[in-house]
Structure formats: structure tokens, C-alpha cells
mmCIF file of all heavy atoms, coordinates in Angstrom:
data_MODEL
# 
_entry.id   MODEL 
# 
loop_
_atom_site.group_PDB 
_atom_site.id 
_atom_site.type_symbol 
_atom_site.label_atom_id 
_atom_site.label_alt_id 
_atom_site.label_comp_id 
_atom_site.label_asym_id 
_atom_site.label_entity_id 
_atom_site.label_seq_id 
_atom_site.pdbx_PDB_ins_code 
_atom_site.Cartn_x 
_atom_site.Cartn_y 
_atom_site.Cartn_z 
_atom_site.occupancy 
_atom_site.B_iso_or_equiv 
_atom_site.pdbx_formal_charge 
_atom_site.auth_seq_id 
_atom_site.auth_comp_id 
_atom_site.auth_asym_id 
_atom_site.auth_atom_id 
_atom_site.pdbx_PDB_model_num 
ATOM 1   N N   . PRO A 1 1  ? -5.967 -2.023 11.298 1.00 0.00 ? 1  PRO A N   1 
ATOM 2   C CA  . PRO A 1 1  ? -4.652 -2.625 11.750 1.00 0.00 ? 1  PRO A CA  1 
ATOM 3   C C   . PRO A 1 1  ? -3.812 -3.135 10.715 1.00 0.00 ? 1  PRO A C   1 
ATOM 4   O O   . PRO A 1 1  ? -2.570 -3.340 10.899 1.00 0.00 ? 1  PRO A O   1 
ATOM 5   C CB  . PRO A 1 1  ? -5.194 -3.770 12.641 1.00 0.00 ? 1  PRO A CB  1 
ATOM 6   C CG  . PRO A 1 1  ? -6.576 -4.084 12.160 1.00 0.00 ? 1  PRO A CG  1 
ATOM 7   C CD  . PRO A 1 1  ? -7.156 -2.759 11.782 1.00 0.00 ? 1  PRO A CD  1 
ATOM 8   N N   . ARG A 1 2  ? -4.316 -3.310 9.513  1.00 0.00 ? 2  ARG A N   1 
ATOM 9   C CA  . ARG A 1 2  ? -3.513 -3.807 8.350  1.00 0.00 ? 2  ARG A CA  1 
ATOM 10  C C   . ARG A 1 2  ? -2.508 -2.724 7.908  1.00 0.00 ? 2  ARG A C   1 
ATOM 11  O O   . ARG A 1 2  ? -1.547 -3.062 7.211  1.00 0.00 ? 2  ARG A O   1 
ATOM 12  C CB  . ARG A 1 2  ? -4.379 -4.180 7.199  1.00 0.00 ? 2  ARG A CB  1 
ATOM 13  C CG  . ARG A 1 2  ? -5.327 -5.399 7.467  1.00 0.00 ? 2  ARG A CG  1 
ATOM 14  C CD  . ARG A 1 2  ? -6.317 -5.587 6.403  1.00 0.00 ? 2  ARG A CD  1 
ATOM 15  N NE  . ARG A 1 2  ? -7.105 -4.414 6.296  1.00 0.00 ? 2  ARG A NE  1 
ATOM 16  C CZ  . ARG A 1 2  ? -8.131 -4.319 5.409  1.00 0.00 ? 2  ARG A CZ  1 
ATOM 17  N NH1 . ARG A 1 2  ? -8.408 -5.326 4.530  1.00 0.00 ? 2  ARG A NH1 1 
ATOM 18  N NH2 . ARG A 1 2  ? -8.871 -3.173 5.331  1.00 0.00 ? 2  ARG A NH2 1 
ATOM 19  N N   . LEU A 1 3  ? -2.669 -1.485 8.337  1.00 0.00 ? 3  LEU A N   1 
ATOM 20  C CA  . LEU A 1 3  ? -1.737 -0.467 8.034  1.00 0.00 ? 3  LEU A CA  1 
ATOM 21  C C   . LEU A 1 3  ? -0.333 -0.831 8.582  1.00 0.00 ? 3  LEU A C   1 
ATOM 22  O O   . LEU A 1 3  ? 0.718  -0.352 8.011  1.00 0.00 ? 3  LEU A O   1 
ATOM 23  C CB  . LEU A 1 3  ? -2.140 0.909  8.624  1.00 0.00 ? 3  LEU A CB  1 
ATOM 24  C CG  . LEU A 1 3  ? -3.369 1.568  8.013  1.00 0.00 ? 3  LEU A CG  1 
ATOM 25  C CD1 . LEU A 1 3  ? -3.791 2.808  8.844  1.00 0.00 ? 3  LEU A CD1 1 
ATOM 26  C CD2 . LEU A 1 3  ? -3.096 1.980  6.589  1.00 0.00 ? 3  LEU A CD2 1 
ATOM 27  N N   . LEU A 1 4  ? -0.296 -1.527 9.723  1.00 0.00 ? 4  LEU A N   1 
ATOM 28  C CA  . LEU A 1 4  ? 0.988  -1.934 10.304 1.00 0.00 ? 4  LEU A CA  1 
ATOM 29  C C   . LEU A 1 4  ? 1.953  -2.614 9.316  1.00 0.00 ? 4  LEU A C   1 
ATOM 30  O O   . LEU A 1 4  ? 3.188  -2.470 9.384  1.00 0.00 ? 4  LEU A O   1 
ATOM 31  C CB  . LEU A 1 4  ? 0.764  -2.839 11.485 1.00 0.00 ? 4  LEU A CB  1 
ATOM 32  C CG  . LEU A 1 4  ? 2.008  -3.307 12.267 1.00 0.00 ? 4  LEU A CG  1 
ATOM 33  C CD1 . LEU A 1 4  ? 2.695  -2.128 12.911 1.00 0.00 ? 4  LEU A CD1 1 
ATOM 34  C CD2 . LEU A 1 4  ? 1.585  -4.327 13.308 1.00 0.00 ? 4  LEU A CD2 1 
ATOM 35  N N   . PHE A 1 5  ? 1.382  -3.358 8.368  1.00 0.00 ? 5  PHE A N   1 
ATOM 36  C CA  . PHE A 1 5  ? 2.168  -4.167 7.391  1.00 0.00 ? 5  PHE A CA  1 
ATOM 37  C C   . PHE A 1 5  ? 2.363  -3.404 6.131  1.00 0.00 ? 5  PHE A C   1 
ATOM 38  O O   . PHE A 1 5  ? 2.942  -4.044 5.162  1.00 0.00 ? 5  PHE A O   1 
ATOM 39  C CB  . PHE A 1 5  ? 1.466  -5.470 7.159  1.00 0.00 ? 5  PHE A CB  1 
ATOM 40  C CG  . PHE A 1 5  ? 1.131  -6.271 8.389  1.00 0.00 ? 5  PHE A CG  1 
ATOM 41  C CD1 . PHE A 1 5  ? -0.084 -6.317 8.939  1.00 0.00 ? 5  PHE A CD1 1 
ATOM 42  C CD2 . PHE A 1 5  ? 2.176  -6.852 9.077  1.00 0.00 ? 5  PHE A CD2 1 
ATOM 43  C CE1 . PHE A 1 5  ? -0.333 -6.988 10.100 1.00 0.00 ? 5  PHE A CE1 1 
ATOM 44  C CE2 . PHE A 1 5  ? 1.977  -7.519 10.295 1.00 0.00 ? 5  PHE A CE2 1 
ATOM 45  C CZ  . PHE A 1 5  ? 0.638  -7.614 10.812 1.00 0.00 ? 5  PHE A CZ  1 
ATOM 46  N N   . GLN A 1 6  ? 1.934  -2.153 5.985  1.00 0.00 ? 6  GLN A N   1 
ATOM 47  C CA  . GLN A 1 6  ? 2.137  -1.431 4.732  1.00 0.00 ? 6  GLN A CA  1 
ATOM 48  C C   . GLN A 1 6  ? 3.464  -0.632 4.808  1.00 0.00 ? 6  GLN A C   1 
ATOM 49  O O   . GLN A 1 6  ? 3.712  0.032  5.835  1.00 0.00 ? 6  GLN A O   1 
ATOM 50  C CB  . GLN A 1 6  ? 0.965  -0.527 4.494  1.00 0.00 ? 6  GLN A CB  1 
ATOM 51  C CG  . GLN A 1 6  ? -0.303 -1.205 4.205  1.00 0.00 ? 6  GLN A CG  1 
ATOM 52  C CD  . GLN A 1 6  ? -1.461 -0.306 3.812  1.00 0.00 ? 6  GLN A CD  1 
ATOM 53  O OE1 . GLN A 1 6  ? -1.271 0.898  3.607  1.00 0.00 ? 6  GLN A OE1 1 
ATOM 54  N NE2 . GLN A 1 6  ? -2.685 -0.858 3.731  1.00 0.00 ? 6  GLN A NE2 1 
ATOM 55  N N   . VAL A 1 7  ? 4.253  -0.691 3.716  1.00 0.00 ? 7  VAL A N   1 
ATOM 56  C CA  . VAL A 1 7  ? 5.573  -0.074 3.779  1.00 0.00 ? 7  VAL A CA  1 
ATOM 57  C C   . VAL A 1 7  ? 5.457  1.453  3.956  1.00 0.00 ? 7  VAL A C   1 
ATOM 58  O O   . VAL A 1 7  ? 6.310  2.059  4.630  1.00 0.00 ? 7  VAL A O   1 
ATOM 59  C CB  . VAL A 1 7  ? 6.297  -0.388 2.451  1.00 0.00 ? 7  VAL A CB  1 
ATOM 60  C CG1 . VAL A 1 7  ? 5.563  0.114  1.259  1.00 0.00 ? 7  VAL A CG1 1 
ATOM 61  C CG2 . VAL A 1 7  ? 7.724  0.150  2.523  1.00 0.00 ? 7  VAL A CG2 1 
ATOM 62  N N   . GLY A 1 8  ? 4.445  2.102  3.497  1.00 0.00 ? 8  GLY A N   1 
ATOM 63  C CA  . GLY A 1 8  ? 4.298  3.555  3.705  1.00 0.00 ? 8  GLY A CA  1 
ATOM 64  C C   . GLY A 1 8  ? 4.136  3.883  5.154  1.00 0.00 ? 8  GLY A C   1 
ATOM 65  O O   . GLY A 1 8  ? 4.685  4.856  5.620  1.00 0.00 ? 8  GLY A O   1 
ATOM 66  N N   . PHE A 1 9  ? 3.323  3.090  5.861  1.00 0.00 ? 9  PHE A N   1 
ATOM 67  C CA  . PHE A 1 9  ? 3.130  3.387  7.268  1.00 0.00 ? 9  PHE A CA  1 
ATOM 68  C C   . PHE A 1 9  ? 4.426  3.239  8.044  1.00 0.00 ? 9  PHE A C   1 
ATOM 69  O O   . PHE A 1 9  ? 4.876  4.034  8.881  1.00 0.00 ? 9  PHE A O   1 
ATOM 70  C CB  . PHE A 1 9  ? 2.130  2.370  7.832  1.00 0.00 ? 9  PHE A CB  1 
ATOM 71  C CG  . PHE A 1 9  ? 1.782  2.456  9.298  1.00 0.00 ? 9  PHE A CG  1 
ATOM 72  C CD1 . PHE A 1 9  ? 0.810  3.304  9.782  1.00 0.00 ? 9  PHE A CD1 1 
ATOM 73  C CD2 . PHE A 1 9  ? 2.594  1.750  10.247 1.00 0.00 ? 9  PHE A CD2 1 
ATOM 74  C CE1 . PHE A 1 9  ? 0.527  3.464  11.134 1.00 0.00 ? 9  PHE A CE1 1 
ATOM 75  C CE2 . PHE A 1 9  ? 2.311  1.870  11.556 1.00 0.00 ? 9  PHE A CE2 1 
ATOM 76  C CZ  . PHE A 1 9  ? 1.306  2.678  12.017 1.00 0.00 ? 9  PHE A CZ  1 
ATOM 77  N N   . GLN A 1 10 ? 5.163  2.116  7.704  1.00 0.00 ? 10 GLN A N   1 
ATOM 78  C CA  . GLN A 1 10 ? 6.424  1.881  8.394  1.00 0.00 ? 10 GLN A CA  1 
ATOM 79  C C   . GLN A 1 10 ? 7.454  2.965  8.094  1.00 0.00 ? 10 GLN A C   1 
ATOM 80  O O   . GLN A 1 10 ? 8.207  3.518  8.955  1.00 0.00 ? 10 GLN A O   1 
ATOM 81  C CB  . GLN A 1 10 ? 6.989  0.506  8.018  1.00 0.00 ? 10 GLN A CB  1 
ATOM 82  C CG  . GLN A 1 10 ? 6.100  -0.633 8.382  1.00 0.00 ? 10 GLN A CG  1 
ATOM 83  C CD  . GLN A 1 10 ? 6.487  -1.963 7.720  1.00 0.00 ? 10 GLN A CD  1 
ATOM 84  O OE1 . GLN A 1 10 ? 7.496  -2.127 7.145  1.00 0.00 ? 10 GLN A OE1 1 
ATOM 85  N NE2 . GLN A 1 10 ? 5.579  -2.905 7.768  1.00 0.00 ? 10 GLN A NE2 1 
ATOM 86  N N   . LEU A 1 11 ? 7.573  3.334  6.759  1.00 0.00 ? 11 LEU A N   1 
ATOM 87  C CA  . LEU A 1 11 ? 8.543  4.438  6.424  1.00 0.00 ? 11 LEU A CA  1 
ATOM 88  C C   . LEU A 1 11 ? 8.182  5.796  7.092  1.00 0.00 ? 11 LEU A C   1 
ATOM 89  O O   . LEU A 1 11 ? 9.083  6.482  7.585  1.00 0.00 ? 11 LEU A O   1 
ATOM 90  C CB  . LEU A 1 11 ? 8.583  4.576  4.903  1.00 0.00 ? 11 LEU A CB  1 
ATOM 91  C CG  . LEU A 1 11 ? 9.297  3.464  4.118  1.00 0.00 ? 11 LEU A CG  1 
ATOM 92  C CD1 . LEU A 1 11 ? 9.025  3.654  2.620  1.00 0.00 ? 11 LEU A CD1 1 
ATOM 93  C CD2 . LEU A 1 11 ? 10.745 3.408  4.405  1.00 0.00 ? 11 LEU A CD2 1 
ATOM 94  N N   . SER A 1 12 ? 6.865  6.134  7.120  1.00 0.00 ? 12 SER A N   1 
ATOM 95  C CA  . SER A 1 12 ? 6.467  7.341  7.672  1.00 0.00 ? 12 SER A CA  1 
ATOM 96  C C   . SER A 1 12 ? 6.847  7.491  9.138  1.00 0.00 ? 12 SER A C   1 
ATOM 97  O O   . SER A 1 12 ? 7.493  8.475  9.539  1.00 0.00 ? 12 SER A O   1 
ATOM 98  C CB  . SER A 1 12 ? 4.984  7.608  7.523  1.00 0.00 ? 12 SER A CB  1 
ATOM 99  O OG  . SER A 1 12 ? 4.600  7.611  6.203  1.00 0.00 ? 12 SER A OG  1 
ATOM 100 N N   . TYR A 1 13 ? 6.504  6.487  9.948  1.00 0.00 ? 13 TYR A N   1 
ATOM 101 C CA  . TYR A 1 13 ? 6.759  6.554  11.339 1.00 0.00 ? 13 TYR A CA  1 
ATOM 102 C C   . TYR A 1 13 ? 8.217  6.419  11.723 1.00 0.00 ? 13 TYR A C   1 
ATOM 103 O O   . TYR A 1 13 ? 8.722  6.994  12.644 1.00 0.00 ? 13 TYR A O   1 
ATOM 104 C CB  . TYR A 1 13 ? 5.853  5.532  12.128 1.00 0.00 ? 13 TYR A CB  1 
ATOM 105 C CG  . TYR A 1 13 ? 4.515  6.124  12.362 1.00 0.00 ? 13 TYR A CG  1 
ATOM 106 C CD1 . TYR A 1 13 ? 3.461  5.927  11.434 1.00 0.00 ? 13 TYR A CD1 1 
ATOM 107 C CD2 . TYR A 1 13 ? 4.227  6.905  13.509 1.00 0.00 ? 13 TYR A CD2 1 
ATOM 108 C CE1 . TYR A 1 13 ? 2.218  6.404  11.649 1.00 0.00 ? 13 TYR A CE1 1 
ATOM 109 C CE2 . TYR A 1 13 ? 2.986  7.450  13.746 1.00 0.00 ? 13 TYR A CE2 1 
ATOM 110 C CZ  . TYR A 1 13 ? 1.979  7.203  12.833 1.00 0.00 ? 13 TYR A CZ  1 
ATOM 111 O OH  . TYR A 1 13 ? 0.710  7.765  13.013 1.00 0.00 ? 13 TYR A OH  1 
ATOM 112 N N   . MET A 1 14 ? 8.944  5.572  11.007 1.00 0.00 ? 14 MET A N   1 
ATOM 113 C CA  . MET A 1 14 ? 10.398 5.406  11.234 1.00 0.00 ? 14 MET A CA  1 
ATOM 114 C C   . MET A 1 14 ? 11.091 6.674  10.921 1.00 0.00 ? 14 MET A C   1 
ATOM 115 O O   . MET A 1 14 ? 12.001 7.089  11.647 1.00 0.00 ? 14 MET A O   1 
ATOM 116 C CB  . MET A 1 14 ? 10.951 4.263  10.417 1.00 0.00 ? 14 MET A CB  1 
ATOM 117 C CG  . MET A 1 14 ? 10.443 2.837  10.837 1.00 0.00 ? 14 MET A CG  1 
ATOM 118 S SD  . MET A 1 14 ? 10.593 2.543  12.606 1.00 0.00 ? 14 MET A SD  1 
ATOM 119 C CE  . MET A 1 14 ? 12.331 2.729  12.857 1.00 0.00 ? 14 MET A CE  1 
ATOM 120 N N   . ALA A 1 15 ? 10.677 7.324  9.842  1.00 0.00 ? 15 ALA A N   1 
ATOM 121 C CA  . ALA A 1 15 ? 11.410 8.631  9.492  1.00 0.00 ? 15 ALA A CA  1 
ATOM 122 C C   . ALA A 1 15 ? 11.097 9.711  10.526 1.00 0.00 ? 15 ALA A C   1 
ATOM 123 O O   . ALA A 1 15 ? 12.063 10.349 11.051 1.00 0.00 ? 15 ALA A O   1 
ATOM 124 C CB  . ALA A 1 15 ? 10.949 9.092  8.070  1.00 0.00 ? 15 ALA A CB  1 
ATOM 125 N N   . VAL A 1 16 ? 9.825  9.932  10.911 1.00 0.00 ? 16 VAL A N   1 
ATOM 126 C CA  . VAL A 1 16 ? 9.559  11.026 11.902 1.00 0.00 ? 16 VAL A CA  1 
ATOM 127 C C   . VAL A 1 16 ? 10.110 10.677 13.222 1.00 0.00 ? 16 VAL A C   1 
ATOM 128 O O   . VAL A 1 16 ? 10.702 11.548 13.903 1.00 0.00 ? 16 VAL A O   1 
ATOM 129 C CB  . VAL A 1 16 ? 7.993  11.194 11.922 1.00 0.00 ? 16 VAL A CB  1 
ATOM 130 C CG1 . VAL A 1 16 ? 7.667  12.186 13.025 1.00 0.00 ? 16 VAL A CG1 1 
ATOM 131 C CG2 . VAL A 1 16 ? 7.434  11.603 10.598 1.00 0.00 ? 16 VAL A CG2 1 
ATOM 132 N N   . PHE A 1 17 ? 9.956  9.418  13.673 1.00 0.00 ? 17 PHE A N   1 
ATOM 133 C CA  . PHE A 1 17 ? 10.477 8.993  14.990 1.00 0.00 ? 17 PHE A CA  1 
ATOM 134 C C   . PHE A 1 17 ? 12.039 9.220  15.038 1.00 0.00 ? 17 PHE A C   1 
ATOM 135 O O   . PHE A 1 17 ? 12.588 9.752  16.031 1.00 0.00 ? 17 PHE A O   1 
ATOM 136 C CB  . PHE A 1 17 ? 10.140 7.584  15.272 1.00 0.00 ? 17 PHE A CB  1 
ATOM 137 C CG  . PHE A 1 17 ? 10.615 7.130  16.633 1.00 0.00 ? 17 PHE A CG  1 
ATOM 138 C CD1 . PHE A 1 17 ? 9.994  7.476  17.768 1.00 0.00 ? 17 PHE A CD1 1 
ATOM 139 C CD2 . PHE A 1 17 ? 11.731 6.206  16.691 1.00 0.00 ? 17 PHE A CD2 1 
ATOM 140 C CE1 . PHE A 1 17 ? 10.422 7.022  19.019 1.00 0.00 ? 17 PHE A CE1 1 
ATOM 141 C CE2 . PHE A 1 17 ? 12.169 5.760  17.908 1.00 0.00 ? 17 PHE A CE2 1 
ATOM 142 C CZ  . PHE A 1 17 ? 11.519 6.204  19.100 1.00 0.00 ? 17 PHE A CZ  1 
ATOM 143 N N   . SER A 1 18 ? 12.688 8.844  14.008 1.00 0.00 ? 18 SER A N   1 
ATOM 144 C CA  . SER A 1 18 ? 14.173 8.968  13.938 1.00 0.00 ? 18 SER A CA  1 
ATOM 145 C C   . SER A 1 18 ? 14.608 10.456 13.928 1.00 0.00 ? 18 SER A C   1 
ATOM 146 O O   . SER A 1 18 ? 15.571 10.788 14.595 1.00 0.00 ? 18 SER A O   1 
ATOM 147 C CB  . SER A 1 18 ? 14.735 8.296  12.643 1.00 0.00 ? 18 SER A CB  1 
ATOM 148 O OG  . SER A 1 18 ? 14.422 6.952  12.735 1.00 0.00 ? 18 SER A OG  1 
ATOM 149 N N   . ILE A 1 19 ? 13.853 11.277 13.207 1.00 0.00 ? 19 ILE A N   1 
ATOM 150 C CA  . ILE A 1 19 ? 14.177 12.740 13.197 1.00 0.00 ? 19 ILE A CA  1 
ATOM 151 C C   . ILE A 1 19 ? 14.027 13.284 14.633 1.00 0.00 ? 19 ILE A C   1 
ATOM 152 O O   . ILE A 1 19 ? 14.907 14.009 15.097 1.00 0.00 ? 19 ILE A O   1 
ATOM 153 C CB  . ILE A 1 19 ? 13.256 13.429 12.205 1.00 0.00 ? 19 ILE A CB  1 
ATOM 154 C CG1 . ILE A 1 19 ? 13.636 13.095 10.806 1.00 0.00 ? 19 ILE A CG1 1 
ATOM 155 C CG2 . ILE A 1 19 ? 13.392 14.960 12.472 1.00 0.00 ? 19 ILE A CG2 1 
ATOM 156 C CD1 . ILE A 1 19 ? 12.753 13.602 9.714  1.00 0.00 ? 19 ILE A CD1 1 
ATOM 157 N N   . VAL A 1 20 ? 12.898 12.967 15.234 1.00 0.00 ? 20 VAL A N   1 
ATOM 158 C CA  . VAL A 1 20 ? 12.687 13.521 16.610 1.00 0.00 ? 20 VAL A CA  1 
ATOM 159 C C   . VAL A 1 20 ? 13.696 12.966 17.599 1.00 0.00 ? 20 VAL A C   1 
ATOM 160 O O   . VAL A 1 20 ? 14.129 13.755 18.503 1.00 0.00 ? 20 VAL A O   1 
ATOM 161 C CB  . VAL A 1 20 ? 11.228 13.127 17.025 1.00 0.00 ? 20 VAL A CB  1 
ATOM 162 C CG1 . VAL A 1 20 ? 11.070 13.537 18.476 1.00 0.00 ? 20 VAL A CG1 1 
ATOM 163 C CG2 . VAL A 1 20 ? 10.227 13.839 16.098 1.00 0.00 ? 20 VAL A CG2 1 
ATOM 164 N N   . LEU A 1 21 ? 14.056 11.733 17.447 1.00 0.00 ? 21 LEU A N   1 
ATOM 165 C CA  . LEU A 1 21 ? 14.997 11.116 18.451 1.00 0.00 ? 21 LEU A CA  1 
ATOM 166 C C   . LEU A 1 21 ? 16.469 11.360 18.176 1.00 0.00 ? 21 LEU A C   1 
ATOM 167 O O   . LEU A 1 21 ? 17.199 11.750 19.029 1.00 0.00 ? 21 LEU A O   1 
ATOM 168 C CB  . LEU A 1 21 ? 14.695 9.616  18.492 1.00 0.00 ? 21 LEU A CB  1 
ATOM 169 C CG  . LEU A 1 21 ? 15.584 8.794  19.501 1.00 0.00 ? 21 LEU A CG  1 
ATOM 170 C CD1 . LEU A 1 21 ? 15.237 9.171  20.932 1.00 0.00 ? 21 LEU A CD1 1 
ATOM 171 C CD2 . LEU A 1 21 ? 15.347 7.293  19.286 1.00 0.00 ? 21 LEU A CD2 1 
ATOM 172 N N   . ILE A 1 22 ? 16.828 11.133 16.889 1.00 0.00 ? 22 ILE A N   1 
ATOM 173 C CA  . ILE A 1 22 ? 18.273 11.171 16.507 1.00 0.00 ? 22 ILE A CA  1 
ATOM 174 C C   . ILE A 1 22 ? 18.824 12.483 16.182 1.00 0.00 ? 22 ILE A C   1 
ATOM 175 O O   . ILE A 1 22 ? 19.943 12.844 16.516 1.00 0.00 ? 22 ILE A O   1 
ATOM 176 C CB  . ILE A 1 22 ? 18.540 10.152 15.374 1.00 0.00 ? 22 ILE A CB  1 
ATOM 177 C CG1 . ILE A 1 22 ? 18.085 8.709  15.797 1.00 0.00 ? 22 ILE A CG1 1 
ATOM 178 C CG2 . ILE A 1 22 ? 19.968 10.150 14.959 1.00 0.00 ? 22 ILE A CG2 1 
ATOM 179 C CD1 . ILE A 1 22 ? 18.223 7.675  14.683 1.00 0.00 ? 22 ILE A CD1 1 
ATOM 180 N N   . GLN A 1 23 ? 17.975 13.360 15.519 1.00 0.00 ? 23 GLN A N   1 
ATOM 181 C CA  . GLN A 1 23 ? 18.507 14.616 15.014 1.00 0.00 ? 23 GLN A CA  1 
ATOM 182 C C   . GLN A 1 23 ? 19.017 15.477 16.109 1.00 0.00 ? 23 GLN A C   1 
ATOM 183 O O   . GLN A 1 23 ? 20.094 16.155 15.914 1.00 0.00 ? 23 GLN A O   1 
ATOM 184 C CB  . GLN A 1 23 ? 17.418 15.292 14.216 1.00 0.00 ? 23 GLN A CB  1 
ATOM 185 C CG  . GLN A 1 23 ? 17.939 16.460 13.307 1.00 0.00 ? 23 GLN A CG  1 
ATOM 186 C CD  . GLN A 1 23 ? 17.802 17.804 14.048 1.00 0.00 ? 23 GLN A CD  1 
ATOM 187 O OE1 . GLN A 1 23 ? 17.092 17.910 15.022 1.00 0.00 ? 23 GLN A OE1 1 
ATOM 188 N NE2 . GLN A 1 23 ? 18.431 18.782 13.473 1.00 0.00 ? 23 GLN A NE2 1 
ATOM 189 N N   . PRO A 1 24 ? 18.386 15.628 17.292 1.00 0.00 ? 24 PRO A N   1 
ATOM 190 C CA  . PRO A 1 24 ? 19.026 16.468 18.360 1.00 0.00 ? 24 PRO A CA  1 
ATOM 191 C C   . PRO A 1 24 ? 20.404 15.971 18.734 1.00 0.00 ? 24 PRO A C   1 
ATOM 192 O O   . PRO A 1 24 ? 21.256 16.764 19.145 1.00 0.00 ? 24 PRO A O   1 
ATOM 193 C CB  . PRO A 1 24 ? 17.973 16.400 19.515 1.00 0.00 ? 24 PRO A CB  1 
ATOM 194 C CG  . PRO A 1 24 ? 16.704 16.057 18.829 1.00 0.00 ? 24 PRO A CG  1 
ATOM 195 C CD  . PRO A 1 24 ? 17.089 15.128 17.676 1.00 0.00 ? 24 PRO A CD  1 
ATOM 196 N N   . VAL A 1 25 ? 20.623 14.625 18.743 1.00 0.00 ? 25 VAL A N   1 
ATOM 197 C CA  . VAL A 1 25 ? 21.939 14.135 19.071 1.00 0.00 ? 25 VAL A CA  1 
ATOM 198 C C   . VAL A 1 25 ? 22.960 14.569 18.018 1.00 0.00 ? 25 VAL A C   1 
ATOM 199 O O   . VAL A 1 25 ? 24.099 15.075 18.335 1.00 0.00 ? 25 VAL A O   1 
ATOM 200 C CB  . VAL A 1 25 ? 21.905 12.606 19.207 1.00 0.00 ? 25 VAL A CB  1 
ATOM 201 C CG1 . VAL A 1 25 ? 23.332 12.041 19.442 1.00 0.00 ? 25 VAL A CG1 1 
ATOM 202 C CG2 . VAL A 1 25 ? 20.953 12.238 20.333 1.00 0.00 ? 25 VAL A CG2 1 
ATOM 203 N N   . LEU A 1 26 ? 22.602 14.428 16.697 1.00 0.00 ? 26 LEU A N   1 
ATOM 204 C CA  . LEU A 1 26 ? 23.523 14.722 15.672 1.00 0.00 ? 26 LEU A CA  1 
ATOM 205 C C   . LEU A 1 26 ? 23.811 16.235 15.537 1.00 0.00 ? 26 LEU A C   1 
ATOM 206 O O   . LEU A 1 26 ? 24.967 16.613 15.369 1.00 0.00 ? 26 LEU A O   1 
ATOM 207 C CB  . LEU A 1 26 ? 22.964 14.241 14.341 1.00 0.00 ? 26 LEU A CB  1 
ATOM 208 C CG  . LEU A 1 26 ? 22.734 12.737 14.157 1.00 0.00 ? 26 LEU A CG  1 
ATOM 209 C CD1 . LEU A 1 26 ? 22.107 12.415 12.803 1.00 0.00 ? 26 LEU A CD1 1 
ATOM 210 C CD2 . LEU A 1 26 ? 24.059 12.006 14.306 1.00 0.00 ? 26 LEU A CD2 1 
ATOM 211 N N   . VAL A 1 27 ? 22.764 17.035 15.729 1.00 0.00 ? 27 VAL A N   1 
ATOM 212 C CA  . VAL A 1 27 ? 22.945 18.534 15.526 1.00 0.00 ? 27 VAL A CA  1 
ATOM 213 C C   . VAL A 1 27 ? 23.832 19.099 16.675 1.00 0.00 ? 27 VAL A C   1 
ATOM 214 O O   . VAL A 1 27 ? 24.510 20.090 16.457 1.00 0.00 ? 27 VAL A O   1 
ATOM 215 C CB  . VAL A 1 27 ? 21.594 19.225 15.458 1.00 0.00 ? 27 VAL A CB  1 
ATOM 216 C CG1 . VAL A 1 27 ? 21.000 19.391 16.849 1.00 0.00 ? 27 VAL A CG1 1 
ATOM 217 C CG2 . VAL A 1 27 ? 21.777 20.554 14.779 1.00 0.00 ? 27 VAL A CG2 1 
ATOM 218 N N   . GLY A 1 28 ? 23.787 18.372 17.823 1.00 0.00 ? 28 GLY A N   1 
ATOM 219 C CA  . GLY A 1 28 ? 24.640 18.861 18.944 1.00 0.00 ? 28 GLY A CA  1 
ATOM 220 C C   . GLY A 1 28 ? 26.105 18.496 18.840 1.00 0.00 ? 28 GLY A C   1 
ATOM 221 O O   . GLY A 1 28 ? 26.923 18.997 19.618 1.00 0.00 ? 28 GLY A O   1 
ATOM 222 N N   . LEU A 1 29 ? 26.463 17.579 17.859 1.00 0.00 ? 29 LEU A N   1 
ATOM 223 C CA  . LEU A 1 29 ? 27.847 17.154 17.720 1.00 0.00 ? 29 LEU A CA  1 
ATOM 224 C C   . LEU A 1 29 ? 28.713 18.382 17.206 1.00 0.00 ? 29 LEU A C   1 
ATOM 225 O O   . LEU A 1 29 ? 29.919 18.368 17.437 1.00 0.00 ? 29 LEU A O   1 
ATOM 226 C CB  . LEU A 1 29 ? 27.940 16.023 16.766 1.00 0.00 ? 29 LEU A CB  1 
ATOM 227 C CG  . LEU A 1 29 ? 27.343 14.699 17.216 1.00 0.00 ? 29 LEU A CG  1 
ATOM 228 C CD1 . LEU A 1 29 ? 27.377 13.651 16.189 1.00 0.00 ? 29 LEU A CD1 1 
ATOM 229 C CD2 . LEU A 1 29 ? 28.070 14.182 18.490 1.00 0.00 ? 29 LEU A CD2 1 
ATOM 230 N N   . TRP A 1 30 ? 28.068 19.279 16.512 1.00 0.00 ? 30 TRP A N   1 
ATOM 231 C CA  . TRP A 1 30 ? 28.806 20.398 16.001 1.00 0.00 ? 30 TRP A CA  1 
ATOM 232 C C   . TRP A 1 30 ? 27.890 21.644 15.976 1.00 0.00 ? 30 TRP A C   1 
ATOM 233 O O   . TRP A 1 30 ? 26.855 21.628 15.475 1.00 0.00 ? 30 TRP A O   1 
ATOM 234 C CB  . TRP A 1 30 ? 29.286 20.087 14.585 1.00 0.00 ? 30 TRP A CB  1 
ATOM 235 C CG  . TRP A 1 30 ? 30.342 21.024 14.074 1.00 0.00 ? 30 TRP A CG  1 
ATOM 236 C CD1 . TRP A 1 30 ? 30.209 22.251 13.445 1.00 0.00 ? 30 TRP A CD1 1 
ATOM 237 C CD2 . TRP A 1 30 ? 31.745 20.844 14.168 1.00 0.00 ? 30 TRP A CD2 1 
ATOM 238 N NE1 . TRP A 1 30 ? 31.362 22.761 13.193 1.00 0.00 ? 30 TRP A NE1 1 
ATOM 239 C CE2 . TRP A 1 30 ? 32.427 21.959 13.618 1.00 0.00 ? 30 TRP A CE2 1 
ATOM 240 C CE3 . TRP A 1 30 ? 32.604 19.826 14.688 1.00 0.00 ? 30 TRP A CE3 1 
ATOM 241 C CZ2 . TRP A 1 30 ? 33.716 22.141 13.510 1.00 0.00 ? 30 TRP A CZ2 1 
ATOM 242 C CZ3 . TRP A 1 30 ? 34.006 19.970 14.584 1.00 0.00 ? 30 TRP A CZ3 1 
ATOM 243 C CH2 . TRP A 1 30 ? 34.556 21.071 14.004 1.00 0.00 ? 30 TRP A CH2 1 
ATOM 244 N N   . THR A 1 31 ? 28.351 22.692 16.554 1.00 0.00 ? 31 THR A N   1 
ATOM 245 C CA  . THR A 1 31 ? 27.607 23.931 16.605 1.00 0.00 ? 31 THR A CA  1 
ATOM 246 C C   . THR A 1 31 ? 28.281 25.023 15.776 1.00 0.00 ? 31 THR A C   1 
ATOM 247 O O   . THR A 1 31 ? 29.540 25.102 15.750 1.00 0.00 ? 31 THR A O   1 
ATOM 248 C CB  . THR A 1 31 ? 27.350 24.399 17.990 1.00 0.00 ? 31 THR A CB  1 
ATOM 249 O OG1 . THR A 1 31 ? 28.659 24.559 18.678 1.00 0.00 ? 31 THR A OG1 1 
ATOM 250 C CG2 . THR A 1 31 ? 26.513 23.399 18.850 1.00 0.00 ? 31 THR A CG2 1 
# 
């Protein structure tokens, strides 16, 4: 559970989650 407070864990999941969630919205703004 201490992984929760490690910067690498936070960066990894925030990056992947943001790509999965936000990238489809951005890519559809312009085709």
C-alpha cells in the first residue's frame, strides 16, 4: 500500500488514465 505515496506510481497511473480518458476527446477535435 505504500506505493500509493510514491511519485512513480502516481505519475504512471495519472499518465495512462489521462491518455485513455482525454486523448479520444482531443483527437476527435480535428480529423
